[in-house]
């Protein structure tokens, strides 16, 4: 990979290759799809390794029982208690499933982003846009939203298992450790969680919290790709005419970091509600079956808007370097191969 510059994402997916149209050979489409999946998977797994301890803290802050005094005073206290109880490895509890999931998620995001642009070109966009190498910002944001909505179907089961492994589980001696998930030990395997979900709720139980994931990923996908494209356009326009329009690694990292924060902040309350539903907290509030609106209203009544943004700071902190790495690695691999 060139140590000096990498192309912008739009350049990597559109500008450096012939536009993917219905006239394009099937073998070319297949090759592009394979590259999206392979490079996106690798970039996603690297990003997940960097961000996972912060994600564990975020989920634990979001999932604290609201009918009891809060166990953690903030992110630093959650870090401290987690390391004291389980060591550093405890912050990576349940990483195996989301590590594979992160690869699938990022691959799906980049692949479906390209596919969504092709769908828009073939259907609703005016004729003058169908042969454009790079679409305007509006259609790119729409493609990002479509990409996120598609990816949510893959993410919900993965995040269900991840969240239930990250949150400390209850024991007969200390019921304040967390919500009841059917276990009584502090460490469980992904297979144990999967088996418990299936016994309790069947196959549909793995998509518990799907609405929250759908809202977060649809809006977040638009924000993630949209911010990156805007930042890339800004960096390119700030240069004098005739210079190379490829982004430097620093520019790509900055654009990716901002994109990660935009993604997480834009629909963070949906993620908080989703985590509550998936970890079983607020199960008895208001009676009846948990729904997105029921859990959201209960959480807002007890803690207001602040409760919906619990753990947001630590989430933004971890999302910046992870997203920066994802975009830079993905684009670098596309340029190198």
C-alpha atoms as a PDB file:
ATOM      1  CA  UNK A   1       0.000   0.000   0.000  1.00  0.00           C
ATOM      2  CA  UNK A   2       1.219   3.483  -0.853  1.00  0.00           C
ATOM      3  CA  UNK A   3       2.477   5.040   2.368  1.00  0.00           C
ATOM      4  CA  UNK A   4       1.573   8.555   1.246  1.00  0.00           C
ATOM      5  CA  UNK A   5      -1.941   8.589  -0.128  1.00  0.00           C
ATOM      6  CA  UNK A   6      -5.128   6.571  -0.314  1.00  0.00           C
ATOM      7  CA  UNK A   7      -8.140   7.397  -2.513  1.00  0.00           C
ATOM      8  CA  UNK A   8     -11.404   8.635  -1.056  1.00  0.00           C
ATOM      9  CA  UNK A   9     -14.089   5.991  -0.600  1.00  0.00           C
ATOM     10  CA  UNK A  10     -16.067   7.355  -3.514  1.00  0.00           C
ATOM     11  CA  UNK A  11     -12.934   7.219  -5.664  1.00  0.00           C
ATOM     12  CA  UNK A  12     -12.086   3.730  -4.474  1.00  0.00           C
ATOM     13  CA  UNK A  13     -15.554   2.377  -5.206  1.00  0.00           C
ATOM     14  CA  UNK A  14     -16.442   4.414  -8.246  1.00  0.00           C
ATOM     15  CA  UNK A  15     -13.714   6.706  -9.549  1.00  0.00           C
ATOM     16  CA  UNK A  16     -10.955   4.109  -9.884  1.00  0.00           C
ATOM     17  CA  UNK A  17     -13.073   1.559 -11.696  1.00  0.00           C
ATOM     18  CA  UNK A  18     -15.672   1.493 -14.417  1.00  0.00           C
ATOM     19  CA  UNK A  19     -19.142   2.266 -12.997  1.00  0.00           C
ATOM     20  CA  UNK A  20     -21.066  -0.890 -12.181  1.00  0.00           C
ATOM     21  CA  UNK A  21     -24.008  -0.876 -14.583  1.00  0.00           C
ATOM     22  CA  UNK A  22     -26.208  -3.559 -16.014  1.00  0.00           C
ATOM     23  CA  UNK A  23     -23.989  -3.551 -19.090  1.00  0.00           C
ATOM     24  CA  UNK A  24     -20.915  -4.429 -17.075  1.00  0.00           C
ATOM     25  CA  UNK A  25     -19.674  -8.034 -17.336  1.00  0.00           C
ATOM     26  CA  UNK A  26     -20.855 -10.326 -14.564  1.00  0.00           C
ATOM     27  CA  UNK A  27     -17.262 -11.342 -13.815  1.00  0.00           C
ATOM     28  CA  UNK A  28     -16.356  -7.712 -13.067  1.00  0.00           C
ATOM     29  CA  UNK A  29     -19.307  -7.358 -10.705  1.00  0.00           C
ATOM     30  CA  UNK A  30     -18.339 -10.578  -8.958  1.00  0.00           C
ATOM     31  CA  UNK A  31     -14.737  -9.414  -8.598  1.00  0.00           C
ATOM     32  CA  UNK A  32     -15.818  -6.097  -7.083  1.00  0.00           C
ATOM     33  CA  UNK A  33     -18.173  -7.898  -4.685  1.00  0.00           C
ATOM     34  CA  UNK A  34     -15.407 -10.255  -3.547  1.00  0.00           C
ATOM     35  CA  UNK A  35     -13.060  -7.336  -2.908  1.00  0.00           C
ATOM     36  CA  UNK A  36     -15.732  -5.447  -0.946  1.00  0.00           C
ATOM     37  CA  UNK A  37     -16.413  -8.492   1.207  1.00  0.00           C
ATOM     38  CA  UNK A  38     -12.770  -9.480   1.763  1.00  0.00           C
ATOM     39  CA  UNK A  39     -11.374  -6.008   2.443  1.00  0.00           C
ATOM     40  CA  UNK A  40     -14.411  -4.929   4.454  1.00  0.00           C
ATOM     41  CA  UNK A  41     -14.197  -8.041   6.625  1.00  0.00           C
ATOM     42  CA  UNK A  42     -10.540  -7.496   7.454  1.00  0.00           C
ATOM     43  CA  UNK A  43     -10.994  -3.782   8.161  1.00  0.00           C
ATOM     44  CA  UNK A  44     -14.024  -4.466  10.351  1.00  0.00           C
ATOM     45  CA  UNK A  45     -12.208  -7.041  12.489  1.00  0.00           C
ATOM     46  CA  UNK A  46      -9.244  -4.717  13.070  1.00  0.00           C
ATOM     47  CA  UNK A  47     -11.619  -1.948  14.102  1.00  0.00           C
ATOM     48  CA  UNK A  48     -13.492  -4.263  16.482  1.00  0.00           C
ATOM     49  CA  UNK A  49     -10.299  -5.278  18.311  1.00  0.00           C
ATOM     50  CA  UNK A  50      -9.550  -1.597  18.962  1.00  0.00           C
ATOM     51  CA  UNK A  51     -13.035  -0.608  20.091  1.00  0.00           C
ATOM     52  CA  UNK A  52     -14.289  -3.685  21.956  1.00  0.00           C
ATOM     53  CA  UNK A  53     -13.273  -2.796  25.547  1.00  0.00           C
ATOM     54  CA  UNK A  54     -14.969   0.581  25.134  1.00  0.00           C
ATOM     55  CA  UNK A  55     -18.047  -1.127  23.696  1.00  0.00           C
ATOM     56  CA  UNK A  56     -18.194  -3.423  26.735  1.00  0.00           C
ATOM     57  CA  UNK A  57     -18.205  -0.398  29.044  1.00  0.00           C
ATOM     58  CA  UNK A  58     -20.886   1.266  26.914  1.00  0.00           C
ATOM     59  CA  UNK A  59     -23.205  -1.747  27.070  1.00  0.00           C
ATOM     60  CA  UNK A  60     -22.711  -2.116  30.835  1.00  0.00           C
ATOM     61  CA  UNK A  61     -23.570   1.548  31.380  1.00  0.00           C
ATOM     62  CA  UNK A  62     -26.644   1.278  29.148  1.00  0.00           C
ATOM     63  CA  UNK A  63     -27.897  -1.928  30.770  1.00  0.00           C
ATOM     64  CA  UNK A  64     -27.794  -0.987  34.465  1.00  0.00           C
ATOM     65  CA  UNK A  65     -31.053  -1.914  36.268  1.00  0.00           C
ATOM     66  CA  UNK A  66     -33.106   1.232  36.700  1.00  0.00           C
ATOM     67  CA  UNK A  67     -35.089   0.012  39.709  1.00  0.00           C
ATOM     68  CA  UNK A  68     -31.841  -0.187  41.736  1.00  0.00           C
ATOM     69  CA  UNK A  69     -29.125   2.379  42.519  1.00  0.00           C
ATOM     70  CA  UNK A  70     -26.762   2.713  39.556  1.00  0.00           C
ATOM     71  CA  UNK A  71     -23.791   0.414  39.909  1.00  0.00           C
ATOM     72  CA  UNK A  72     -21.385   2.614  37.935  1.00  0.00           C
ATOM     73  CA  UNK A  73     -20.863   6.334  38.422  1.00  0.00           C
ATOM     74  CA  UNK A  74     -19.471   6.724  34.910  1.00  0.00           C
ATOM     75  CA  UNK A  75     -17.215   5.193  32.230  1.00  0.00           C
ATOM     76  CA  UNK A  76     -14.013   5.364  34.277  1.00  0.00           C
ATOM     77  CA  UNK A  77     -15.691   3.725  37.269  1.00  0.00           C
ATOM     78  CA  UNK A  78     -17.067   1.018  34.977  1.00  0.00           C
ATOM     79  CA  UNK A  79     -13.563   0.407  33.599  1.00  0.00           C
ATOM     80  CA  UNK A  80     -12.138   0.257  37.107  1.00  0.00           C
ATOM     81  CA  UNK A  81     -14.750  -2.147  38.465  1.00  0.00           C
ATOM     82  CA  UNK A  82     -14.551  -4.353  35.381  1.00  0.00           C
ATOM     83  CA  UNK A  83     -10.756  -4.700  35.558  1.00  0.00           C
ATOM     84  CA  UNK A  84     -10.871  -5.258  39.327  1.00  0.00           C
ATOM     85  CA  UNK A  85     -13.461  -8.012  38.987  1.00  0.00           C
ATOM     86  CA  UNK A  86     -12.337  -9.840  35.825  1.00  0.00           C
ATOM     87  CA  UNK A  87      -9.054  -8.297  34.714  1.00  0.00           C
ATOM     88  CA  UNK A  88      -8.436  -6.797  31.286  1.00  0.00           C
ATOM     89  CA  UNK A  89      -9.646 -10.003  29.639  1.00  0.00           C
ATOM     90  CA  UNK A  90     -13.063  -9.335  31.164  1.00  0.00           C
ATOM     91  CA  UNK A  91     -13.412  -6.286  28.925  1.00  0.00           C
ATOM     92  CA  UNK A  92     -13.025  -8.639  25.957  1.00  0.00           C
ATOM     93  CA  UNK A  93     -15.698 -11.038  27.218  1.00  0.00           C
ATOM     94  CA  UNK A  94     -17.727 -12.300  24.286  1.00  0.00           C
ATOM     95  CA  UNK A  95     -15.370 -10.853  21.658  1.00  0.00           C
ATOM     96  CA  UNK A  96     -15.313 -13.971  19.464  1.00  0.00           C
ATOM     97  CA  UNK A  97     -18.842 -13.617  18.112  1.00  0.00           C
ATOM     98  CA  UNK A  98     -18.712  -9.847  17.466  1.00  0.00           C
ATOM     99  CA  UNK A  99     -15.222 -10.150  15.950  1.00  0.00           C
ATOM    100  CA  UNK A 100     -16.660 -12.370  13.247  1.00  0.00           C
ATOM    101  CA  UNK A 101     -19.763 -10.223  13.241  1.00  0.00           C
ATOM    102  CA  UNK A 102     -17.737  -7.060  12.696  1.00  0.00           C
ATOM    103  CA  UNK A 103     -16.197  -8.618   9.629  1.00  0.00           C
ATOM    104  CA  UNK A 104     -19.630  -9.553   8.303  1.00  0.00           C
ATOM    105  CA  UNK A 105     -21.068  -6.147   9.236  1.00  0.00           C
ATOM    106  CA  UNK A 106     -18.388  -4.051   7.529  1.00  0.00           C
ATOM    107  CA  UNK A 107     -18.310  -6.288   4.482  1.00  0.00           C
ATOM    108  CA  UNK A 108     -22.077  -5.984   4.196  1.00  0.00           C
ATOM    109  CA  UNK A 109     -21.929  -2.196   4.640  1.00  0.00           C
ATOM    110  CA  UNK A 110     -19.427  -1.614   1.842  1.00  0.00           C
ATOM    111  CA  UNK A 111     -20.960  -4.220  -0.459  1.00  0.00           C
ATOM    112  CA  UNK A 112     -24.533  -3.011   0.016  1.00  0.00           C
ATOM    113  CA  UNK A 113     -23.401   0.637  -0.291  1.00  0.00           C
ATOM    114  CA  UNK A 114     -22.118  -0.092  -3.772  1.00  0.00           C
ATOM    115  CA  UNK A 115     -25.205  -2.175  -4.587  1.00  0.00           C
ATOM    116  CA  UNK A 116     -27.553   0.553  -3.341  1.00  0.00           C
ATOM    117  CA  UNK A 117     -25.900   3.099  -5.626  1.00  0.00           C
ATOM    118  CA  UNK A 118     -26.415   0.776  -8.587  1.00  0.00           C
ATOM    119  CA  UNK A 119     -30.062   0.251  -7.622  1.00  0.00           C
ATOM    120  CA  UNK A 120     -30.617   3.997  -7.400  1.00  0.00           C
ATOM    121  CA  UNK A 121     -28.980   4.485 -10.804  1.00  0.00           C
ATOM    122  CA  UNK A 122     -31.146   1.797 -12.382  1.00  0.00           C
ATOM    123  CA  UNK A 123     -34.446   2.942 -10.869  1.00  0.00           C
ATOM    124  CA  UNK A 124     -35.232   6.393  -9.486  1.00  0.00           C
ATOM    125  CA  UNK A 125     -32.300   8.603 -10.509  1.00  0.00           C
ATOM    126  CA  UNK A 126     -32.682  10.799 -13.611  1.00  0.00           C
ATOM    127  CA  UNK A 127     -31.002   9.629 -16.837  1.00  0.00           C
ATOM    128  CA  UNK A 128     -28.190  12.163 -16.604  1.00  0.00           C
ATOM    129  CA  UNK A 129     -27.001  10.567 -13.332  1.00  0.00           C
ATOM    130  CA  UNK A 130     -26.999   6.962 -14.504  1.00  0.00           C
ATOM    131  CA  UNK A 131     -23.549   7.162 -16.105  1.00  0.00           C
ATOM    132  CA  UNK A 132     -21.921   9.358 -13.462  1.00  0.00           C
ATOM    133  CA  UNK A 133     -18.770   7.916 -11.922  1.00  0.00           C
ATOM    134  CA  UNK A 134     -19.553   9.601  -8.591  1.00  0.00           C
ATOM    135  CA  UNK A 135     -23.101  10.397  -7.503  1.00  0.00           C
ATOM    136  CA  UNK A 136     -24.044  13.671  -5.795  1.00  0.00           C
ATOM    137  CA  UNK A 137     -24.162  13.776  -2.010  1.00  0.00           C
ATOM    138  CA  UNK A 138     -27.933  13.251  -1.709  1.00  0.00           C
ATOM    139  CA  UNK A 139     -28.031   9.876  -3.482  1.00  0.00           C
ATOM    140  CA  UNK A 140     -24.867   8.807  -1.631  1.00  0.00           C
ATOM    141  CA  UNK A 141     -26.554   9.501   1.725  1.00  0.00           C
ATOM    142  CA  UNK A 142     -29.615   7.571   0.562  1.00  0.00           C
ATOM    143  CA  UNK A 143     -27.356   4.666  -0.445  1.00  0.00           C
ATOM    144  CA  UNK A 144     -25.749   4.788   2.996  1.00  0.00           C
ATOM    145  CA  UNK A 145     -29.174   4.554   4.651  1.00  0.00           C
ATOM    146  CA  UNK A 146     -30.110   1.578   2.450  1.00  0.00           C
ATOM    147  CA  UNK A 147     -26.798  -0.059   3.304  1.00  0.00           C
ATOM    148  CA  UNK A 148     -27.403   0.348   7.044  1.00  0.00           C
ATOM    149  CA  UNK A 149     -30.954  -1.003   6.841  1.00  0.00           C
ATOM    150  CA  UNK A 150     -29.719  -4.120   5.056  1.00  0.00           C
ATOM    151  CA  UNK A 151     -26.886  -4.655   7.526  1.00  0.00           C
ATOM    152  CA  UNK A 152     -29.227  -4.412  10.531  1.00  0.00           C
ATOM    153  CA  UNK A 153     -30.661  -7.834   9.702  1.00  0.00           C
ATOM    154  CA  UNK A 154     -27.219  -9.388  10.162  1.00  0.00           C
ATOM    155  CA  UNK A 155     -26.281  -7.292  13.185  1.00  0.00           C
ATOM    156  CA  UNK A 156     -29.229  -7.887  15.518  1.00  0.00           C
ATOM    157  CA  UNK A 157     -28.507 -11.570  16.342  1.00  0.00           C
ATOM    158  CA  UNK A 158     -24.779 -10.856  16.697  1.00  0.00           C
ATOM    159  CA  UNK A 159     -25.355  -7.934  19.044  1.00  0.00           C
ATOM    160  CA  UNK A 160     -27.900  -9.885  21.080  1.00  0.00           C
ATOM    161  CA  UNK A 161     -25.286 -12.513  21.922  1.00  0.00           C
ATOM    162  CA  UNK A 162     -22.578  -9.868  22.426  1.00  0.00           C
ATOM    163  CA  UNK A 163     -24.650  -7.731  24.814  1.00  0.00           C
ATOM    164  CA  UNK A 164     -25.692 -10.691  26.952  1.00  0.00           C
ATOM    165  CA  UNK A 165     -22.080 -11.770  27.296  1.00  0.00           C
ATOM    166  CA  UNK A 166     -20.781  -8.276  28.074  1.00  0.00           C
ATOM    167  CA  UNK A 167     -23.193  -7.491  30.907  1.00  0.00           C
ATOM    168  CA  UNK A 168     -22.255  -9.067  34.270  1.00  0.00           C
ATOM    169  CA  UNK A 169     -24.702 -11.827  35.044  1.00  0.00           C
ATOM    170  CA  UNK A 170     -26.618 -12.309  38.311  1.00  0.00           C
ATOM    171  CA  UNK A 171     -25.747 -14.767  41.037  1.00  0.00           C
ATOM    172  CA  UNK A 172     -27.815 -15.960  44.018  1.00  0.00           C
ATOM    173  CA  UNK A 173     -25.464 -14.061  46.353  1.00  0.00           C
ATOM    174  CA  UNK A 174     -25.456 -10.786  44.432  1.00  0.00           C
ATOM    175  CA  UNK A 175     -28.623 -10.153  42.387  1.00  0.00           C
ATOM    176  CA  UNK A 176     -27.465  -6.589  41.649  1.00  0.00           C
ATOM    177  CA  UNK A 177     -24.841  -7.782  39.196  1.00  0.00           C
ATOM    178  CA  UNK A 178     -27.229  -7.546  36.292  1.00  0.00           C
ATOM    179  CA  UNK A 179     -30.450  -8.622  34.583  1.00  0.00           C
ATOM    180  CA  UNK A 180     -31.516 -12.242  34.531  1.00  0.00           C
ATOM    181  CA  UNK A 181     -30.533 -14.063  31.365  1.00  0.00           C
ATOM    182  CA  UNK A 182     -30.979 -17.566  32.651  1.00  0.00           C
ATOM    183  CA  UNK A 183     -27.396 -18.022  33.898  1.00  0.00           C
ATOM    184  CA  UNK A 184     -25.833 -18.001  37.365  1.00  0.00           C
ATOM    185  CA  UNK A 185     -22.137 -17.837  36.547  1.00  0.00           C
ATOM    186  CA  UNK A 186     -20.041 -14.802  35.710  1.00  0.00           C
ATOM    187  CA  UNK A 187     -18.698 -16.224  32.429  1.00  0.00           C
ATOM    188  CA  UNK A 188     -20.695 -17.950  29.700  1.00  0.00           C
ATOM    189  CA  UNK A 189     -19.833 -19.040  26.198  1.00  0.00           C
ATOM    190  CA  UNK A 190     -21.474 -17.771  22.992  1.00  0.00           C
ATOM    191  CA  UNK A 191     -22.971 -21.227  22.438  1.00  0.00           C
ATOM    192  CA  UNK A 192     -24.546 -21.161  25.906  1.00  0.00           C
ATOM    193  CA  UNK A 193     -26.147 -17.790  25.182  1.00  0.00           C
ATOM    194  CA  UNK A 194     -27.343 -18.957  21.760  1.00  0.00           C
ATOM    195  CA  UNK A 195     -28.858 -22.085  23.293  1.00  0.00           C
ATOM    196  CA  UNK A 196     -30.606 -20.096  26.019  1.00  0.00           C
ATOM    197  CA  UNK A 197     -32.092 -17.614  23.526  1.00  0.00           C
ATOM    198  CA  UNK A 198     -33.388 -20.436  21.339  1.00  0.00           C
ATOM    199  CA  UNK A 199     -34.941 -22.330  24.271  1.00  0.00           C
ATOM    200  CA  UNK A 200     -36.698 -19.225  25.559  1.00  0.00           C
ATOM    201  CA  UNK A 201     -37.825 -17.468  22.384  1.00  0.00           C
ATOM    202  CA  UNK A 202     -37.135 -19.739  19.433  1.00  0.00           C
ATOM    203  CA  UNK A 203     -35.503 -18.566  16.222  1.00  0.00           C
ATOM    204  CA  UNK A 204     -37.344 -15.225  16.270  1.00  0.00           C
ATOM    205  CA  UNK A 205     -35.715 -14.444  19.629  1.00  0.00           C
ATOM    206  CA  UNK A 206     -32.407 -13.716  17.910  1.00  0.00           C
ATOM    207  CA  UNK A 207     -33.974 -10.633  16.304  1.00  0.00           C
ATOM    208  CA  UNK A 208     -35.096  -9.203  19.627  1.00  0.00           C
ATOM    209  CA  UNK A 209     -34.336  -5.474  19.426  1.00  0.00           C
ATOM    210  CA  UNK A 210     -34.460  -5.446  15.613  1.00  0.00           C
ATOM    211  CA  UNK A 211     -36.374  -2.150  15.431  1.00  0.00           C
ATOM    212  CA  UNK A 212     -33.700  -0.386  17.487  1.00  0.00           C
ATOM    213  CA  UNK A 213     -30.945  -1.822  15.317  1.00  0.00           C
ATOM    214  CA  UNK A 214     -32.837  -0.893  12.148  1.00  0.00           C
ATOM    215  CA  UNK A 215     -33.301   2.732  13.237  1.00  0.00           C
ATOM    216  CA  UNK A 216     -29.705   3.029  14.410  1.00  0.00           C
ATOM    217  CA  UNK A 217     -28.188   1.467  11.300  1.00  0.00           C
ATOM    218  CA  UNK A 218     -30.412   3.239   8.774  1.00  0.00           C
ATOM    219  CA  UNK A 219     -29.744   6.688  10.195  1.00  0.00           C
ATOM    220  CA  UNK A 220     -26.234   5.797  11.211  1.00  0.00           C
ATOM    221  CA  UNK A 221     -25.359   4.411   7.783  1.00  0.00           C
ATOM    222  CA  UNK A 222     -26.492   7.653   6.166  1.00  0.00           C
ATOM    223  CA  UNK A 223     -24.408   9.638   8.677  1.00  0.00           C
ATOM    224  CA  UNK A 224     -21.358   7.341   8.391  1.00  0.00           C
ATOM    225  CA  UNK A 225     -20.992   7.365   4.631  1.00  0.00           C
ATOM    226  CA  UNK A 226     -22.412  10.881   4.291  1.00  0.00           C
ATOM    227  CA  UNK A 227     -19.913  12.459   6.694  1.00  0.00           C
ATOM    228  CA  UNK A 228     -17.003  10.671   5.064  1.00  0.00           C
ATOM    229  CA  UNK A 229     -18.023  11.785   1.576  1.00  0.00           C
ATOM    230  CA  UNK A 230     -18.474  15.404   2.747  1.00  0.00           C
ATOM    231  CA  UNK A 231     -15.087  15.385   4.484  1.00  0.00           C
ATOM    232  CA  UNK A 232     -13.403  13.853   1.431  1.00  0.00           C
ATOM    233  CA  UNK A 233     -14.953  16.526  -0.783  1.00  0.00           C
ATOM    234  CA  UNK A 234     -13.731  19.237   1.583  1.00  0.00           C
ATOM    235  CA  UNK A 235     -10.163  17.937   1.645  1.00  0.00           C
ATOM    236  CA  UNK A 236     -10.059  17.668  -2.144  1.00  0.00           C
ATOM    237  CA  UNK A 237     -11.568  21.116  -2.726  1.00  0.00           C
ATOM    238  CA  UNK A 238      -9.057  22.727  -0.349  1.00  0.00           C
ATOM    239  CA  UNK A 239      -6.203  21.883  -2.725  1.00  0.00           C
ATOM    240  CA  UNK A 240      -5.036  23.854  -5.730  1.00  0.00           C
ATOM    241  CA  UNK A 241      -6.109  22.696  -9.160  1.00  0.00           C
ATOM    242  CA  UNK A 242      -4.061  19.978 -10.766  1.00  0.00           C
ATOM    243  CA  UNK A 243      -2.971  18.278  -7.562  1.00  0.00           C
ATOM    244  CA  UNK A 244      -3.643  14.623  -6.850  1.00  0.00           C
ATOM    245  CA  UNK A 245      -7.218  14.271  -5.581  1.00  0.00           C
ATOM    246  CA  UNK A 246      -6.430  11.167  -3.512  1.00  0.00           C
ATOM    247  CA  UNK A 247      -6.734  11.611   0.235  1.00  0.00           C
ATOM    248  CA  UNK A 248      -3.617  11.379   2.336  1.00  0.00           C
ATOM    249  CA  UNK A 249      -3.642   8.823   5.116  1.00  0.00           C
ATOM    250  CA  UNK A 250      -4.070  11.628   7.663  1.00  0.00           C
ATOM    251  CA  UNK A 251      -7.054  13.024   5.771  1.00  0.00           C
ATOM    252  CA  UNK A 252      -8.609   9.588   5.452  1.00  0.00           C
ATOM    253  CA  UNK A 253      -8.132   8.960   9.173  1.00  0.00           C
ATOM    254  CA  UNK A 254      -9.708  12.314  10.072  1.00  0.00           C
ATOM    255  CA  UNK A 255     -12.661  11.759   7.743  1.00  0.00           C
ATOM    256  CA  UNK A 256     -13.149   8.230   9.073  1.00  0.00           C
ATOM    257  CA  UNK A 257     -12.933   9.348  12.702  1.00  0.00           C
ATOM    258  CA  UNK A 258     -15.568  12.021  12.151  1.00  0.00           C
ATOM    259  CA  UNK A 259     -17.762   9.542  10.316  1.00  0.00           C
ATOM    260  CA  UNK A 260     -17.606   7.134  13.250  1.00  0.00           C
ATOM    261  CA  UNK A 261     -18.668   9.806  15.723  1.00  0.00           C
ATOM    262  CA  UNK A 262     -21.468  11.010  13.426  1.00  0.00           C
ATOM    263  CA  UNK A 263     -22.734   7.441  13.096  1.00  0.00           C
ATOM    264  CA  UNK A 264     -22.845   6.800  16.826  1.00  0.00           C
ATOM    265  CA  UNK A 265     -24.190  10.148  18.008  1.00  0.00           C
ATOM    266  CA  UNK A 266     -26.952  10.548  15.421  1.00  0.00           C
ATOM    267  CA  UNK A 267     -29.193   7.701  16.619  1.00  0.00           C
ATOM    268  CA  UNK A 268     -27.665   6.820  19.991  1.00  0.00           C
ATOM    269  CA  UNK A 269     -31.000   6.638  21.900  1.00  0.00           C
ATOM    270  CA  UNK A 270     -32.118   3.840  19.568  1.00  0.00           C
ATOM    271  CA  UNK A 271     -28.987   1.899  20.527  1.00  0.00           C
ATOM    272  CA  UNK A 272     -29.635   2.467  24.248  1.00  0.00           C
ATOM    273  CA  UNK A 273     -33.183   1.152  23.964  1.00  0.00           C
ATOM    274  CA  UNK A 274     -31.967  -1.786  21.874  1.00  0.00           C
ATOM    275  CA  UNK A 275     -29.392  -2.738  24.517  1.00  0.00           C
ATOM    276  CA  UNK A 276     -32.067  -2.562  27.241  1.00  0.00           C
ATOM    277  CA  UNK A 277     -34.336  -4.876  25.282  1.00  0.00           C
ATOM    278  CA  UNK A 278     -31.588  -7.353  24.446  1.00  0.00           C
ATOM    279  CA  UNK A 279     -30.226  -7.633  27.992  1.00  0.00           C
ATOM    280  CA  UNK A 280     -33.671  -8.019  29.527  1.00  0.00           C
ATOM    281  CA  UNK A 281     -33.613  -4.889  31.701  1.00  0.00           C
ATOM    282  CA  UNK A 282     -36.912  -3.081  32.307  1.00  0.00           C
ATOM    283  CA  UNK A 283     -38.700  -6.384  31.715  1.00  0.00           C
ATOM    284  CA  UNK A 284     -41.305  -5.699  34.392  1.00  0.00           C
ATOM    285  CA  UNK A 285     -41.738  -1.955  33.888  1.00  0.00           C
ATOM    286  CA  UNK A 286     -45.313  -1.225  32.825  1.00  0.00           C
ATOM    287  CA  UNK A 287     -46.112  -4.918  32.471  1.00  0.00           C
ATOM    288  CA  UNK A 288     -46.557  -6.858  29.252  1.00  0.00           C
ATOM    289  CA  UNK A 289     -44.146  -7.647  26.482  1.00  0.00           C
ATOM    290  CA  UNK A 290     -41.155  -5.413  25.898  1.00  0.00           C
ATOM    291  CA  UNK A 291     -41.431  -3.197  22.848  1.00  0.00           C
ATOM    292  CA  UNK A 292     -39.225  -0.413  21.534  1.00  0.00           C
ATOM    293  CA  UNK A 293     -41.726   2.305  22.476  1.00  0.00           C
ATOM    294  CA  UNK A 294     -42.545   0.809  25.885  1.00  0.00           C
ATOM    295  CA  UNK A 295     -38.896   0.539  26.910  1.00  0.00           C
ATOM    296  CA  UNK A 296     -38.092   3.977  25.485  1.00  0.00           C
ATOM    297  CA  UNK A 297     -40.937   5.652  27.384  1.00  0.00           C
ATOM    298  CA  UNK A 298     -40.039   3.885  30.630  1.00  0.00           C
ATOM    299  CA  UNK A 299     -36.397   4.867  30.348  1.00  0.00           C
ATOM    300  CA  UNK A 300     -37.286   8.494  29.562  1.00  0.00           C
ATOM    301  CA  UNK A 301     -39.713   8.721  32.499  1.00  0.00           C
ATOM    302  CA  UNK A 302     -37.064   7.510  34.945  1.00  0.00           C
ATOM    303  CA  UNK A 303     -33.966   9.306  33.660  1.00  0.00           C
ATOM    304  CA  UNK A 304     -35.025  11.789  31.001  1.00  0.00           C
ATOM    305  CA  UNK A 305     -32.980  12.495  27.889  1.00  0.00           C
ATOM    306  CA  UNK A 306     -29.760  11.890  29.836  1.00  0.00           C
ATOM    307  CA  UNK A 307     -30.738   8.256  30.319  1.00  0.00           C
ATOM    308  CA  UNK A 308     -31.080   7.767  26.568  1.00  0.00           C
ATOM    309  CA  UNK A 309     -27.509   9.007  26.084  1.00  0.00           C
ATOM    310  CA  UNK A 310     -25.935   6.985  28.895  1.00  0.00           C
ATOM    311  CA  UNK A 311     -22.516   5.774  27.735  1.00  0.00           C
ATOM    312  CA  UNK A 312     -22.499   8.087  24.703  1.00  0.00           C
ATOM    313  CA  UNK A 313     -19.181   9.739  25.617  1.00  0.00           C
ATOM    314  CA  UNK A 314     -17.256   6.477  25.800  1.00  0.00           C
ATOM    315  CA  UNK A 315     -18.940   5.355  22.574  1.00  0.00           C
ATOM    316  CA  UNK A 316     -17.774   8.428  20.670  1.00  0.00           C
ATOM    317  CA  UNK A 317     -14.285   7.971  22.110  1.00  0.00           C
ATOM    318  CA  UNK A 318     -13.986   4.403  20.868  1.00  0.00           C
ATOM    319  CA  UNK A 319     -15.726   4.963  17.548  1.00  0.00           C
ATOM    320  CA  UNK A 320     -13.267   7.575  16.252  1.00  0.00           C
ATOM    321  CA  UNK A 321     -10.114   5.409  16.005  1.00  0.00           C
ATOM    322  CA  UNK A 322     -12.054   2.293  14.988  1.00  0.00           C
ATOM    323  CA  UNK A 323     -13.859   4.020  12.125  1.00  0.00           C
ATOM    324  CA  UNK A 324     -10.683   5.804  11.035  1.00  0.00           C
ATOM    325  CA  UNK A 325      -8.913   2.455  10.766  1.00  0.00           C
ATOM    326  CA  UNK A 326     -11.802   0.824   8.923  1.00  0.00           C
ATOM    327  CA  UNK A 327     -11.947   3.400   6.133  1.00  0.00           C
ATOM    328  CA  UNK A 328      -8.185   3.750   5.796  1.00  0.00           C
ATOM    329  CA  UNK A 329      -7.522   0.001   5.744  1.00  0.00           C
ATOM    330  CA  UNK A 330     -10.367  -0.674   3.318  1.00  0.00           C
ATOM    331  CA  UNK A 331      -9.303   2.038   0.896  1.00  0.00           C
ATOM    332  CA  UNK A 332      -5.633   1.108   1.169  1.00  0.00           C
ATOM    333  CA  UNK A 333      -6.392  -2.512   0.330  1.00  0.00           C
ATOM    334  CA  UNK A 334      -8.516  -1.524  -2.649  1.00  0.00           C
ATOM    335  CA  UNK A 335      -5.685   0.630  -3.958  1.00  0.00           C
ATOM    336  CA  UNK A 336      -3.046  -2.046  -3.371  1.00  0.00           C
ATOM    337  CA  UNK A 337      -5.070  -4.869  -4.919  1.00  0.00           C
END
